């Protein structure tokens, strides 16, 4: 799907150390923190715009069987607009320094809002 929708679909992935081959760099030390943020209740898990999720897969890695479900979720979200603009500028060396700016160009309430930044 990333090849089919390169301008509007962004994928982020992270893997549980329990299910990641030892020669892979996909597992991250903060796996549990991110899994708790999204309420991961099973693996594999997909999260769509923080609103929709899927849990589980098909036997023998048959991912093609999930494409219809993923396209339906994508189509439900692709036209959504957001009044927010987020920019991140930074530097990664021996230390990581970054600035995050969140702007809202609409007259909406910003009470009880929070932003999680995962690098």
PDB file of N, CA and C in Angstrom:
ATOM      1  N   UNK A   1       0.810  -1.185   0.000  1.00  0.00           N
ATOM      2  CA  UNK A   1       0.000   0.000   0.000  1.00  0.00           C
ATOM      3  C   UNK A   1       0.860   1.259   0.000  1.00  0.00           C
ATOM      4  N   UNK A   2       2.055   1.190   0.596  1.00  0.00           N
ATOM      5  CA  UNK A   2       2.932   2.358   0.586  1.00  0.00           C
ATOM      6  C   UNK A   2       3.330   2.741  -0.831  1.00  0.00           C
ATOM      7  N   UNK A   3       3.506   1.749  -1.706  1.00  0.00           N
ATOM      8  CA  UNK A   3       3.818   2.031  -3.105  1.00  0.00           C
ATOM      9  C   UNK A   3       2.620   2.618  -3.838  1.00  0.00           C
ATOM     10  N   UNK A   4       1.431   2.193  -3.462  1.00  0.00           N
ATOM     11  CA  UNK A   4       0.219   2.630  -4.148  1.00  0.00           C
ATOM     12  C   UNK A   4      -0.235   4.032  -3.718  1.00  0.00           C
ATOM     13  N   UNK A   5       0.050   4.411  -2.483  1.00  0.00           N
ATOM     14  CA  UNK A   5      -0.387   5.708  -1.945  1.00  0.00           C
ATOM     15  C   UNK A   5       0.790   6.473  -1.330  1.00  0.00           C
ATOM     16  N   UNK A   6       1.849   6.751  -2.083  1.00  0.00           N
ATOM     17  CA  UNK A   6       3.057   7.340  -1.493  1.00  0.00           C
ATOM     18  C   UNK A   6       2.874   8.766  -0.965  1.00  0.00           C
ATOM     19  N   UNK A   7       1.898   9.492  -1.455  1.00  0.00           N
ATOM     20  CA  UNK A   7       1.717  10.877  -1.019  1.00  0.00           C
ATOM     21  C   UNK A   7       0.844  11.017   0.225  1.00  0.00           C
ATOM     22  N   UNK A   8       0.085   9.971   0.559  1.00  0.00           N
ATOM     23  CA  UNK A   8      -0.893  10.121   1.640  1.00  0.00           C
ATOM     24  C   UNK A   8      -0.833   9.039   2.705  1.00  0.00           C
ATOM     25  N   UNK A   9       0.000   8.028   2.544  1.00  0.00           N
ATOM     26  CA  UNK A   9       0.088   6.954   3.527  1.00  0.00           C
ATOM     27  C   UNK A   9       1.505   6.907   4.081  1.00  0.00           C
ATOM     28  N   UNK A  10       1.598   6.961   5.392  1.00  0.00           N
ATOM     29  CA  UNK A  10       2.896   6.884   6.054  1.00  0.00           C
ATOM     30  C   UNK A  10       2.846   5.703   7.015  1.00  0.00           C
ATOM     31  N   UNK A  11       3.809   4.839   6.914  1.00  0.00           N
ATOM     32  CA  UNK A  11       3.868   3.679   7.787  1.00  0.00           C
ATOM     33  C   UNK A  11       4.975   3.833   8.808  1.00  0.00           C
ATOM     34  N   UNK A  12       4.673   3.488  10.037  1.00  0.00           N
ATOM     35  CA  UNK A  12       5.668   3.436  11.105  1.00  0.00           C
ATOM     36  C   UNK A  12       5.550   2.056  11.700  1.00  0.00           C
ATOM     37  N   UNK A  13       6.658   1.412  11.892  1.00  0.00           N
ATOM     38  CA  UNK A  13       6.576   0.080  12.469  1.00  0.00           C
ATOM     39  C   UNK A  13       7.602  -0.092  13.569  1.00  0.00           C
ATOM     40  N   UNK A  14       7.224  -0.887  14.524  1.00  0.00           N
ATOM     41  CA  UNK A  14       8.143  -1.297  15.560  1.00  0.00           C
ATOM     42  C   UNK A  14       7.762  -2.713  15.953  1.00  0.00           C
ATOM     43  N   UNK A  15       8.724  -3.444  16.409  1.00  0.00           N
ATOM     44  CA  UNK A  15       8.521  -4.870  16.643  1.00  0.00           C
ATOM     45  C   UNK A  15       8.826  -5.236  18.082  1.00  0.00           C
ATOM     46  N   UNK A  16       8.043  -6.143  18.596  1.00  0.00           N
ATOM     47  CA  UNK A  16       8.293  -6.673  19.924  1.00  0.00           C
ATOM     48  C   UNK A  16       9.600  -7.463  19.906  1.00  0.00           C
ATOM     49  N   UNK A  17      10.457  -7.259  20.898  1.00  0.00           N
ATOM     50  CA  UNK A  17      11.686  -8.046  20.957  1.00  0.00           C
ATOM     51  C   UNK A  17      11.399  -9.555  21.010  1.00  0.00           C
ATOM     52  N   UNK A  18      10.213  -9.938  21.489  1.00  0.00           N
ATOM     53  CA  UNK A  18       9.864 -11.358  21.578  1.00  0.00           C
ATOM     54  C   UNK A  18       9.592 -11.989  20.221  1.00  0.00           C
ATOM     55  N   UNK A  19       9.255 -11.164  19.222  1.00  0.00           N
ATOM     56  CA  UNK A  19       8.887 -11.688  17.914  1.00  0.00           C
ATOM     57  C   UNK A  19       9.783 -11.156  16.801  1.00  0.00           C
ATOM     58  N   UNK A  20      10.959 -10.659  17.135  1.00  0.00           N
ATOM     59  CA  UNK A  20      11.858 -10.075  16.151  1.00  0.00           C
ATOM     60  C   UNK A  20      13.105 -10.935  16.027  1.00  0.00           C
ATOM     61  N   UNK A  21      13.478 -11.322  14.813  1.00  0.00           N
ATOM     62  CA  UNK A  21      14.701 -12.107  14.640  1.00  0.00           C
ATOM     63  C   UNK A  21      15.914 -11.371  15.202  1.00  0.00           C
ATOM     64  N   UNK A  22      16.840 -12.100  15.746  1.00  0.00           N
ATOM     65  CA  UNK A  22      18.016 -11.517  16.368  1.00  0.00           C
ATOM     66  C   UNK A  22      18.881 -10.685  15.438  1.00  0.00           C
ATOM     67  N   UNK A  23      18.843 -10.948  14.129  1.00  0.00           N
ATOM     68  CA  UNK A  23      19.676 -10.201  13.190  1.00  0.00           C
ATOM     69  C   UNK A  23      18.952  -8.979  12.627  1.00  0.00           C
ATOM     70  N   UNK A  24      17.816  -8.596  13.207  1.00  0.00           N
ATOM     71  CA  UNK A  24      17.021  -7.467  12.735  1.00  0.00           C
ATOM     72  C   UNK A  24      17.215  -6.278  13.663  1.00  0.00           C
ATOM     73  N   UNK A  25      17.045  -5.073  13.121  1.00  0.00           N
ATOM     74  CA  UNK A  25      17.104  -3.879  13.958  1.00  0.00           C
ATOM     75  C   UNK A  25      15.713  -3.264  14.156  1.00  0.00           C
ATOM     76  N   UNK A  26      14.661  -4.061  13.976  1.00  0.00           N
ATOM     77  CA  UNK A  26      13.297  -3.550  14.106  1.00  0.00           C
ATOM     78  C   UNK A  26      12.827  -3.415  15.548  1.00  0.00           C
ATOM     79  N   UNK A  27      13.385  -4.193  16.471  1.00  0.00           N
ATOM     80  CA  UNK A  27      12.910  -4.068  17.841  1.00  0.00           C
ATOM     81  C   UNK A  27      13.497  -2.817  18.485  1.00  0.00           C
ATOM     82  N   UNK A  28      12.705  -2.183  19.350  1.00  0.00           N
ATOM     83  CA  UNK A  28      13.154  -0.974  20.028  1.00  0.00           C
ATOM     84  C   UNK A  28      13.021  -1.185  21.526  1.00  0.00           C
ATOM     85  N   UNK A  29      13.865  -0.498  22.280  1.00  0.00           N
ATOM     86  CA  UNK A  29      13.844  -0.679  23.728  1.00  0.00           C
ATOM     87  C   UNK A  29      12.555  -0.153  24.352  1.00  0.00           C
ATOM     88  N   UNK A  30      11.921   0.832  23.730  1.00  0.00           N
ATOM     89  CA  UNK A  30      10.688   1.426  24.272  1.00  0.00           C
ATOM     90  C   UNK A  30       9.440   0.748  23.713  1.00  0.00           C
ATOM     91  N   UNK A  31       9.552  -0.504  23.297  1.00  0.00           N
ATOM     92  CA  UNK A  31       8.409  -1.200  22.709  1.00  0.00           C
ATOM     93  C   UNK A  31       7.181  -1.132  23.613  1.00  0.00           C
ATOM     94  N   UNK A  32       7.339  -1.457  24.881  1.00  0.00           N
ATOM     95  CA  UNK A  32       6.197  -1.509  25.796  1.00  0.00           C
ATOM     96  C   UNK A  32       5.546  -0.141  25.965  1.00  0.00           C
ATOM     97  N   UNK A  33       6.328   0.918  25.976  1.00  0.00           N
ATOM     98  CA  UNK A  33       5.770   2.266  26.111  1.00  0.00           C
ATOM     99  C   UNK A  33       4.838   2.569  24.951  1.00  0.00           C
ATOM    100  N   UNK A  34       5.285   2.308  23.738  1.00  0.00           N
ATOM    101  CA  UNK A  34       4.452   2.575  22.565  1.00  0.00           C
ATOM    102  C   UNK A  34       3.273   1.605  22.506  1.00  0.00           C
ATOM    103  N   UNK A  35       3.483   0.364  22.840  1.00  0.00           N
ATOM    104  CA  UNK A  35       2.390  -0.612  22.835  1.00  0.00           C
ATOM    105  C   UNK A  35       1.299  -0.195  23.822  1.00  0.00           C
ATOM    106  N   UNK A  36       1.691   0.312  24.987  1.00  0.00           N
ATOM    107  CA  UNK A  36       0.712   0.779  25.967  1.00  0.00           C
ATOM    108  C   UNK A  36      -0.021   2.020  25.475  1.00  0.00           C
ATOM    109  N   UNK A  37       0.674   2.911  24.784  1.00  0.00           N
ATOM    110  CA  UNK A  37       0.054   4.121  24.251  1.00  0.00           C
ATOM    111  C   UNK A  37      -1.090   3.773  23.309  1.00  0.00           C
ATOM    112  N   UNK A  38      -0.889   2.767  22.458  1.00  0.00           N
ATOM    113  CA  UNK A  38      -1.899   2.386  21.477  1.00  0.00           C
ATOM    114  C   UNK A  38      -2.800   1.242  21.948  1.00  0.00           C
ATOM    115  N   UNK A  39      -2.581   0.712  23.134  1.00  0.00           N
ATOM    116  CA  UNK A  39      -3.425  -0.370  23.626  1.00  0.00           C
ATOM    117  C   UNK A  39      -3.269  -1.654  22.827  1.00  0.00           C
ATOM    118  N   UNK A  40      -2.040  -1.995  22.480  1.00  0.00           N
ATOM    119  CA  UNK A  40      -1.799  -3.205  21.699  1.00  0.00           C
ATOM    120  C   UNK A  40      -2.233  -4.420  22.509  1.00  0.00           C
ATOM    121  N   UNK A  41      -3.195  -5.150  21.962  1.00  0.00           N
ATOM    122  CA  UNK A  41      -3.732  -6.305  22.653  1.00  0.00           C
ATOM    123  C   UNK A  41      -3.362  -7.617  22.000  1.00  0.00           C
ATOM    124  N   UNK A  42      -2.605  -7.574  20.922  1.00  0.00           N
ATOM    125  CA  UNK A  42      -2.190  -8.780  20.230  1.00  0.00           C
ATOM    126  C   UNK A  42      -1.275  -8.409  19.081  1.00  0.00           C
ATOM    127  N   UNK A  43      -0.553  -9.392  18.603  1.00  0.00           N
ATOM    128  CA  UNK A  43       0.399  -9.167  17.515  1.00  0.00           C
ATOM    129  C   UNK A  43       0.056 -10.125  16.400  1.00  0.00           C
ATOM    130  N   UNK A  44       0.010  -9.672  15.151  1.00  0.00           N
ATOM    131  CA  UNK A  44       0.289  -8.314  14.691  1.00  0.00           C
ATOM    132  C   UNK A  44      -0.858  -7.355  15.007  1.00  0.00           C
ATOM    133  N   UNK A  45      -0.517  -6.081  15.080  1.00  0.00           N
ATOM    134  CA  UNK A  45      -1.460  -5.021  15.422  1.00  0.00           C
ATOM    135  C   UNK A  45      -1.222  -3.862  14.463  1.00  0.00           C
ATOM    136  N   UNK A  46      -2.277  -3.305  13.902  1.00  0.00           N
ATOM    137  CA  UNK A  46      -2.139  -2.070  13.116  1.00  0.00           C
ATOM    138  C   UNK A  46      -3.005  -1.003  13.764  1.00  0.00           C
ATOM    139  N   UNK A  47      -2.540   0.220  13.679  1.00  0.00           N
ATOM    140  CA  UNK A  47      -3.259   1.363  14.254  1.00  0.00           C
ATOM    141  C   UNK A  47      -3.406   2.398  13.157  1.00  0.00           C
ATOM    142  N   UNK A  48      -4.599   2.900  12.963  1.00  0.00           N
ATOM    143  CA  UNK A  48      -4.903   3.816  11.866  1.00  0.00           C
ATOM    144  C   UNK A  48      -5.410   5.136  12.414  1.00  0.00           C
ATOM    145  N   UNK A  49      -4.557   6.158  12.374  1.00  0.00           N
ATOM    146  CA  UNK A  49      -4.939   7.486  12.816  1.00  0.00           C
ATOM    147  C   UNK A  49      -5.359   7.548  14.270  1.00  0.00           C
ATOM    148  N   UNK A  50      -4.934   6.594  15.072  1.00  0.00           N
ATOM    149  CA  UNK A  50      -5.320   6.565  16.465  1.00  0.00           C
ATOM    150  C   UNK A  50      -6.785   6.233  16.683  1.00  0.00           C
ATOM    151  N   UNK A  51      -7.502   5.915  15.624  1.00  0.00           N
ATOM    152  CA  UNK A  51      -8.941   5.716  15.695  1.00  0.00           C
ATOM    153  C   UNK A  51      -9.365   4.274  15.437  1.00  0.00           C
ATOM    154  N   UNK A  52      -8.717   3.617  14.507  1.00  0.00           N
ATOM    155  CA  UNK A  52      -9.063   2.242  14.136  1.00  0.00           C
ATOM    156  C   UNK A  52      -7.858   1.341  14.355  1.00  0.00           C
ATOM    157  N   UNK A  53      -8.135   0.080  14.587  1.00  0.00           N
ATOM    158  CA  UNK A  53      -7.046  -0.879  14.757  1.00  0.00           C
ATOM    159  C   UNK A  53      -7.465  -2.240  14.223  1.00  0.00           C
ATOM    160  N   UNK A  54      -6.465  -3.039  13.918  1.00  0.00           N
ATOM    161  CA  UNK A  54      -6.697  -4.446  13.624  1.00  0.00           C
ATOM    162  C   UNK A  54      -5.739  -5.243  14.493  1.00  0.00           C
ATOM    163  N   UNK A  55      -6.165  -6.405  14.890  1.00  0.00           N
ATOM    164  CA  UNK A  55      -5.329  -7.293  15.687  1.00  0.00           C
ATOM    165  C   UNK A  55      -5.402  -8.674  15.066  1.00  0.00           C
ATOM    166  N   UNK A  56      -4.250  -9.269  14.869  1.00  0.00           N
ATOM    167  CA  UNK A  56      -4.191 -10.615  14.314  1.00  0.00           C
ATOM    168  C   UNK A  56      -3.858 -10.600  12.839  1.00  0.00           C
ATOM    169  N   UNK A  57      -3.548 -11.741  12.338  1.00  0.00           N
ATOM    170  CA  UNK A  57      -3.184 -11.875  10.936  1.00  0.00           C
ATOM    171  C   UNK A  57      -3.774 -13.136  10.357  1.00  0.00           C
ATOM    172  N   UNK A  58      -3.208 -13.553   9.279  1.00  0.00           N
ATOM    173  CA  UNK A  58      -3.662 -14.765   8.617  1.00  0.00           C
ATOM    174  C   UNK A  58      -2.539 -15.798   8.640  1.00  0.00           C
ATOM    175  N   UNK A  59      -2.888 -17.069   8.630  1.00  0.00           N
ATOM    176  CA  UNK A  59      -1.866 -18.121   8.709  1.00  0.00           C
ATOM    177  C   UNK A  59      -0.837 -18.031   7.583  1.00  0.00           C
ATOM    178  N   UNK A  60       0.362 -18.433   7.900  1.00  0.00           N
ATOM    179  CA  UNK A  60       1.463 -18.550   6.939  1.00  0.00           C
ATOM    180  C   UNK A  60       1.830 -17.225   6.283  1.00  0.00           C
ATOM    181  N   UNK A  61       1.629 -16.112   6.996  1.00  0.00           N
ATOM    182  CA  UNK A  61       2.027 -14.811   6.456  1.00  0.00           C
ATOM    183  C   UNK A  61       1.214 -14.369   5.254  1.00  0.00           C
ATOM    184  N   UNK A  62      -0.007 -14.822   5.125  1.00  0.00           N
ATOM    185  CA  UNK A  62      -0.850 -14.491   3.981  1.00  0.00           C
ATOM    186  C   UNK A  62      -1.412 -13.079   4.140  1.00  0.00           C
ATOM    187  N   UNK A  63      -0.545 -12.075   4.016  1.00  0.00           N
ATOM    188  CA  UNK A  63      -0.950 -10.686   4.211  1.00  0.00           C
ATOM    189  C   UNK A  63      -1.929 -10.187   3.153  1.00  0.00           C
ATOM    190  N   UNK A  64      -1.941 -10.823   1.977  1.00  0.00           N
ATOM    191  CA  UNK A  64      -2.845 -10.379   0.909  1.00  0.00           C
ATOM    192  C   UNK A  64      -4.310 -10.416   1.361  1.00  0.00           C
ATOM    193  N   UNK A  65      -4.636 -11.330   2.260  1.00  0.00           N
ATOM    194  CA  UNK A  65      -6.011 -11.442   2.740  1.00  0.00           C
ATOM    195  C   UNK A  65      -6.431 -10.221   3.559  1.00  0.00           C
ATOM    196  N   UNK A  66      -5.475  -9.442   4.060  1.00  0.00           N
ATOM    197  CA  UNK A  66      -5.781  -8.264   4.874  1.00  0.00           C
ATOM    198  C   UNK A  66      -5.902  -6.985   4.046  1.00  0.00           C
ATOM    199  N   UNK A  67      -5.470  -6.995   2.795  1.00  0.00           N
ATOM    200  CA  UNK A  67      -5.420  -5.761   1.997  1.00  0.00           C
ATOM    201  C   UNK A  67      -6.779  -5.075   1.904  1.00  0.00           C
ATOM    202  N   UNK A  68      -7.849  -5.818   1.706  1.00  0.00           N
ATOM    203  CA  UNK A  68      -9.175  -5.208   1.626  1.00  0.00           C
ATOM    204  C   UNK A  68      -9.534  -4.456   2.900  1.00  0.00           C
ATOM    205  N   UNK A  69      -9.237  -5.054   4.050  1.00  0.00           N
ATOM    206  CA  UNK A  69      -9.488  -4.399   5.335  1.00  0.00           C
ATOM    207  C   UNK A  69      -8.660  -3.131   5.453  1.00  0.00           C
ATOM    208  N   UNK A  70      -7.380  -3.207   5.088  1.00  0.00           N
ATOM    209  CA  UNK A  70      -6.501  -2.041   5.186  1.00  0.00           C
ATOM    210  C   UNK A  70      -6.937  -0.942   4.230  1.00  0.00           C
ATOM    211  N   UNK A  71      -7.340  -1.292   3.024  1.00  0.00           N
ATOM    212  CA  UNK A  71      -7.791  -0.272   2.073  1.00  0.00           C
ATOM    213  C   UNK A  71      -9.070   0.396   2.549  1.00  0.00           C
ATOM    214  N   UNK A  72      -9.976  -0.359   3.154  1.00  0.00           N
ATOM    215  CA  UNK A  72     -11.191   0.238   3.707  1.00  0.00           C
ATOM    216  C   UNK A  72     -10.855   1.243   4.814  1.00  0.00           C
ATOM    217  N   UNK A  73      -9.933   0.882   5.697  1.00  0.00           N
ATOM    218  CA  UNK A  73      -9.519   1.796   6.759  1.00  0.00           C
ATOM    219  C   UNK A  73      -8.838   3.033   6.188  1.00  0.00           C
ATOM    220  N   UNK A  74      -7.958   2.826   5.240  1.00  0.00           N
ATOM    221  CA  UNK A  74      -7.272   3.944   4.579  1.00  0.00           C
ATOM    222  C   UNK A  74      -8.284   4.893   3.952  1.00  0.00           C
ATOM    223  N   UNK A  75      -9.235   4.359   3.205  1.00  0.00           N
ATOM    224  CA  UNK A  75     -10.236   5.192   2.534  1.00  0.00           C
ATOM    225  C   UNK A  75     -11.125   5.938   3.524  1.00  0.00           C
ATOM    226  N   UNK A  76     -11.350   5.362   4.702  1.00  0.00           N
ATOM    227  CA  UNK A  76     -12.152   6.036   5.720  1.00  0.00           C
ATOM    228  C   UNK A  76     -11.420   7.241   6.304  1.00  0.00           C
ATOM    229  N   UNK A  77     -10.094   7.250   6.237  1.00  0.00           N
ATOM    230  CA  UNK A  77      -9.309   8.302   6.875  1.00  0.00           C
ATOM    231  C   UNK A  77      -8.641   9.279   5.913  1.00  0.00           C
ATOM    232  N   UNK A  78      -8.407   8.888   4.673  1.00  0.00           N
ATOM    233  CA  UNK A  78      -7.558   9.684   3.783  1.00  0.00           C
ATOM    234  C   UNK A  78      -8.096  11.086   3.532  1.00  0.00           C
ATOM    235  N   UNK A  79      -9.393  11.286   3.558  1.00  0.00           N
ATOM    236  CA  UNK A  79      -9.951  12.604   3.296  1.00  0.00           C
ATOM    237  C   UNK A  79     -10.060  13.498   4.519  1.00  0.00           C
ATOM    238  N   UNK A  80      -9.730  12.967   5.701  1.00  0.00           N
ATOM    239  CA  UNK A  80      -9.845  13.763   6.920  1.00  0.00           C
ATOM    240  C   UNK A  80      -8.848  14.917   6.907  1.00  0.00           C
ATOM    241  N   UNK A  81      -9.301  16.047   7.353  1.00  0.00           N
ATOM    242  CA  UNK A  81      -8.449  17.230   7.474  1.00  0.00           C
ATOM    243  C   UNK A  81      -8.126  17.428   8.947  1.00  0.00           C
ATOM    244  N   UNK A  82      -7.031  18.070   9.207  1.00  0.00           N
ATOM    245  CA  UNK A  82      -6.672  18.405  10.578  1.00  0.00           C
ATOM    246  C   UNK A  82      -6.352  19.892  10.653  1.00  0.00           C
ATOM    247  N   UNK A  83      -6.748  20.549  11.735  1.00  0.00           N
ATOM    248  CA  UNK A  83      -6.414  21.966  11.869  1.00  0.00           C
ATOM    249  C   UNK A  83      -5.002  22.181  12.404  1.00  0.00           C
ATOM    250  N   UNK A  84      -4.263  21.097  12.634  1.00  0.00           N
ATOM    251  CA  UNK A  84      -2.935  21.190  13.226  1.00  0.00           C
ATOM    252  C   UNK A  84      -1.838  21.058  12.188  1.00  0.00           C
ATOM    253  N   UNK A  85      -0.765  21.760  12.445  1.00  0.00           N
ATOM    254  CA  UNK A  85       0.464  21.585  11.672  1.00  0.00           C
ATOM    255  C   UNK A  85       1.573  21.320  12.683  1.00  0.00           C
ATOM    256  N   UNK A  86       2.331  20.284  12.436  1.00  0.00           N
ATOM    257  CA  UNK A  86       3.415  19.918  13.342  1.00  0.00           C
ATOM    258  C   UNK A  86       4.722  19.961  12.573  1.00  0.00           C
ATOM    259  N   UNK A  87       5.699  20.653  13.128  1.00  0.00           N
ATOM    260  CA  UNK A  87       7.028  20.651  12.511  1.00  0.00           C
ATOM    261  C   UNK A  87       8.039  20.229  13.569  1.00  0.00           C
ATOM    262  N   UNK A  88       8.986  19.424  13.135  1.00  0.00           N
ATOM    263  CA  UNK A  88      10.041  18.946  14.016  1.00  0.00           C
ATOM    264  C   UNK A  88      11.370  19.270  13.350  1.00  0.00           C
ATOM    265  N   UNK A  89      12.210  19.949  14.072  1.00  0.00           N
ATOM    266  CA  UNK A  89      13.552  20.278  13.595  1.00  0.00           C
ATOM    267  C   UNK A  89      14.530  19.815  14.650  1.00  0.00           C
ATOM    268  N   UNK A  90      15.625  19.216  14.214  1.00  0.00           N
ATOM    269  CA  UNK A  90      16.559  18.754  15.213  1.00  0.00           C
ATOM    270  C   UNK A  90      17.839  18.220  14.638  1.00  0.00           C
ATOM    271  N   UNK A  91      18.625  17.684  15.529  1.00  0.00           N
ATOM    272  CA  UNK A  91      19.929  17.150  15.196  1.00  0.00           C
ATOM    273  C   UNK A  91      20.140  15.871  15.998  1.00  0.00           C
ATOM    274  N   UNK A  92      20.643  14.850  15.344  1.00  0.00           N
ATOM    275  CA  UNK A  92      20.975  13.600  16.018  1.00  0.00           C
ATOM    276  C   UNK A  92      22.462  13.344  15.862  1.00  0.00           C
ATOM    277  N   UNK A  93      23.153  13.366  16.940  1.00  0.00           N
ATOM    278  CA  UNK A  93      24.579  13.047  16.991  1.00  0.00           C
ATOM    279  C   UNK A  93      24.778  12.181  18.217  1.00  0.00           C
ATOM    280  N   UNK A  94      25.782  12.507  19.038  1.00  0.00           N
ATOM    281  CA  UNK A  94      25.937  11.772  20.286  1.00  0.00           C
ATOM    282  C   UNK A  94      24.792  12.107  21.243  1.00  0.00           C
ATOM    283  N   UNK A  95      24.193  13.292  21.058  1.00  0.00           N
ATOM    284  CA  UNK A  95      22.969  13.681  21.757  1.00  0.00           C
ATOM    285  C   UNK A  95      21.907  13.954  20.709  1.00  0.00           C
ATOM    286  N   UNK A  96      20.662  13.938  21.116  1.00  0.00           N
ATOM    287  CA  UNK A  96      19.563  14.270  20.215  1.00  0.00           C
ATOM    288  C   UNK A  96      18.922  15.551  20.737  1.00  0.00           C
ATOM    289  N   UNK A  97      18.855  16.543  19.872  1.00  0.00           N
ATOM    290  CA  UNK A  97      18.233  17.810  20.218  1.00  0.00           C
ATOM    291  C   UNK A  97      17.158  18.088  19.186  1.00  0.00           C
ATOM    292  N   UNK A  98      15.978  18.475  19.627  1.00  0.00           N
ATOM    293  CA  UNK A  98      14.926  18.772  18.674  1.00  0.00           C
ATOM    294  C   UNK A  98      13.947  19.784  19.251  1.00  0.00           C
ATOM    295  N   UNK A  99      13.289  20.495  18.371  1.00  0.00           N
ATOM    296  CA  UNK A  99      12.209  21.415  18.714  1.00  0.00           C
ATOM    297  C   UNK A  99      10.965  20.936  17.990  1.00  0.00           C
ATOM    298  N   UNK A 100       9.851  20.926  18.693  1.00  0.00           N
ATOM    299  CA  UNK A 100       8.571  20.553  18.104  1.00  0.00           C
ATOM    300  C   UNK A 100       7.660  21.775  18.202  1.00  0.00           C
ATOM    301  N   UNK A 101       7.109  22.180  17.061  1.00  0.00           N
ATOM    302  CA  UNK A 101       6.176  23.303  17.035  1.00  0.00           C
ATOM    303  C   UNK A 101       4.831  22.788  16.544  1.00  0.00           C
ATOM    304  N   UNK A 102       3.796  23.044  17.330  1.00  0.00           N
ATOM    305  CA  UNK A 102       2.440  22.652  16.955  1.00  0.00           C
ATOM    306  C   UNK A 102       1.638  23.941  16.775  1.00  0.00           C
ATOM    307  N   UNK A 103       1.060  24.103  15.588  1.00  0.00           N
ATOM    308  CA  UNK A 103       0.249  25.279  15.283  1.00  0.00           C
ATOM    309  C   UNK A 103      -1.165  24.817  14.946  1.00  0.00           C
ATOM    310  N   UNK A 104      -2.135  25.632  15.320  1.00  0.00           N
ATOM    311  CA  UNK A 104      -3.518  25.316  14.999  1.00  0.00           C
ATOM    312  C   UNK A 104      -4.093  26.487  14.218  1.00  0.00           C
ATOM    313  N   UNK A 105      -4.573  26.225  13.004  1.00  0.00           N
ATOM    314  CA  UNK A 105      -5.074  27.300  12.153  1.00  0.00           C
ATOM    315  C   UNK A 105      -6.599  27.321  12.089  1.00  0.00           C
ATOM    316  N   UNK A 106      -7.231  26.904  13.165  1.00  0.00           N
ATOM    317  CA  UNK A 106      -8.686  26.880  13.211  1.00  0.00           C
ATOM    318  C   UNK A 106      -9.128  27.285  14.613  1.00  0.00           C
ATOM    319  N   UNK A 107     -10.333  27.771  14.737  1.00  0.00           N
ATOM    320  CA  UNK A 107     -10.855  28.179  16.025  1.00  0.00           C
ATOM    321  C   UNK A 107     -11.453  26.969  16.731  1.00  0.00           C
ATOM    322  N   UNK A 108     -10.582  26.186  17.353  1.00  0.00           N
ATOM    323  CA  UNK A 108     -11.011  24.988  18.070  1.00  0.00           C
ATOM    324  C   UNK A 108     -10.482  25.057  19.488  1.00  0.00           C
ATOM    325  N   UNK A 109     -11.136  24.368  20.381  1.00  0.00           N
ATOM    326  CA  UNK A 109     -10.659  24.303  21.754  1.00  0.00           C
ATOM    327  C   UNK A 109      -9.390  23.466  21.811  1.00  0.00           C
ATOM    328  N   UNK A 110      -8.426  23.930  22.578  1.00  0.00           N
ATOM    329  CA  UNK A 110      -7.209  23.148  22.756  1.00  0.00           C
ATOM    330  C   UNK A 110      -7.091  22.629  24.186  1.00  0.00           C
ATOM    331  N   UNK A 111      -8.199  22.631  24.927  1.00  0.00           N
ATOM    332  CA  UNK A 111      -8.151  22.110  26.288  1.00  0.00           C
ATOM    333  C   UNK A 111      -8.077  20.578  26.253  1.00  0.00           C
ATOM    334  N   UNK A 112      -7.416  20.037  27.240  1.00  0.00           N
ATOM    335  CA  UNK A 112      -7.248  18.589  27.389  1.00  0.00           C
ATOM    336  C   UNK A 112      -6.542  17.947  26.194  1.00  0.00           C
ATOM    337  N   UNK A 113      -5.686  18.679  25.532  1.00  0.00           N
ATOM    338  CA  UNK A 113      -4.911  18.129  24.418  1.00  0.00           C
ATOM    339  C   UNK A 113      -3.535  17.741  24.935  1.00  0.00           C
ATOM    340  N   UNK A 114      -2.978  16.697  24.343  1.00  0.00           N
ATOM    341  CA  UNK A 114      -1.608  16.327  24.676  1.00  0.00           C
ATOM    342  C   UNK A 114      -0.947  15.813  23.410  1.00  0.00           C
ATOM    343  N   UNK A 115       0.359  15.899  23.381  1.00  0.00           N
ATOM    344  CA  UNK A 115       1.146  15.479  22.242  1.00  0.00           C
ATOM    345  C   UNK A 115       2.207  14.514  22.719  1.00  0.00           C
ATOM    346  N   UNK A 116       2.272  13.357  22.113  1.00  0.00           N
ATOM    347  CA  UNK A 116       3.330  12.392  22.384  1.00  0.00           C
ATOM    348  C   UNK A 116       4.285  12.415  21.211  1.00  0.00           C
ATOM    349  N   UNK A 117       5.556  12.617  21.479  1.00  0.00           N
ATOM    350  CA  UNK A 117       6.582  12.611  20.445  1.00  0.00           C
ATOM    351  C   UNK A 117       7.452  11.389  20.665  1.00  0.00           C
ATOM    352  N   UNK A 118       7.508  10.506  19.665  1.00  0.00           N
ATOM    353  CA  UNK A 118       8.313   9.291  19.736  1.00  0.00           C
ATOM    354  C   UNK A 118       9.393   9.364  18.688  1.00  0.00           C
ATOM    355  N   UNK A 119      10.622   9.321  19.088  1.00  0.00           N
ATOM    356  CA  UNK A 119      11.736   9.344  18.138  1.00  0.00           C
ATOM    357  C   UNK A 119      12.441   8.017  18.167  1.00  0.00           C
TER     358      UNK A 119
END
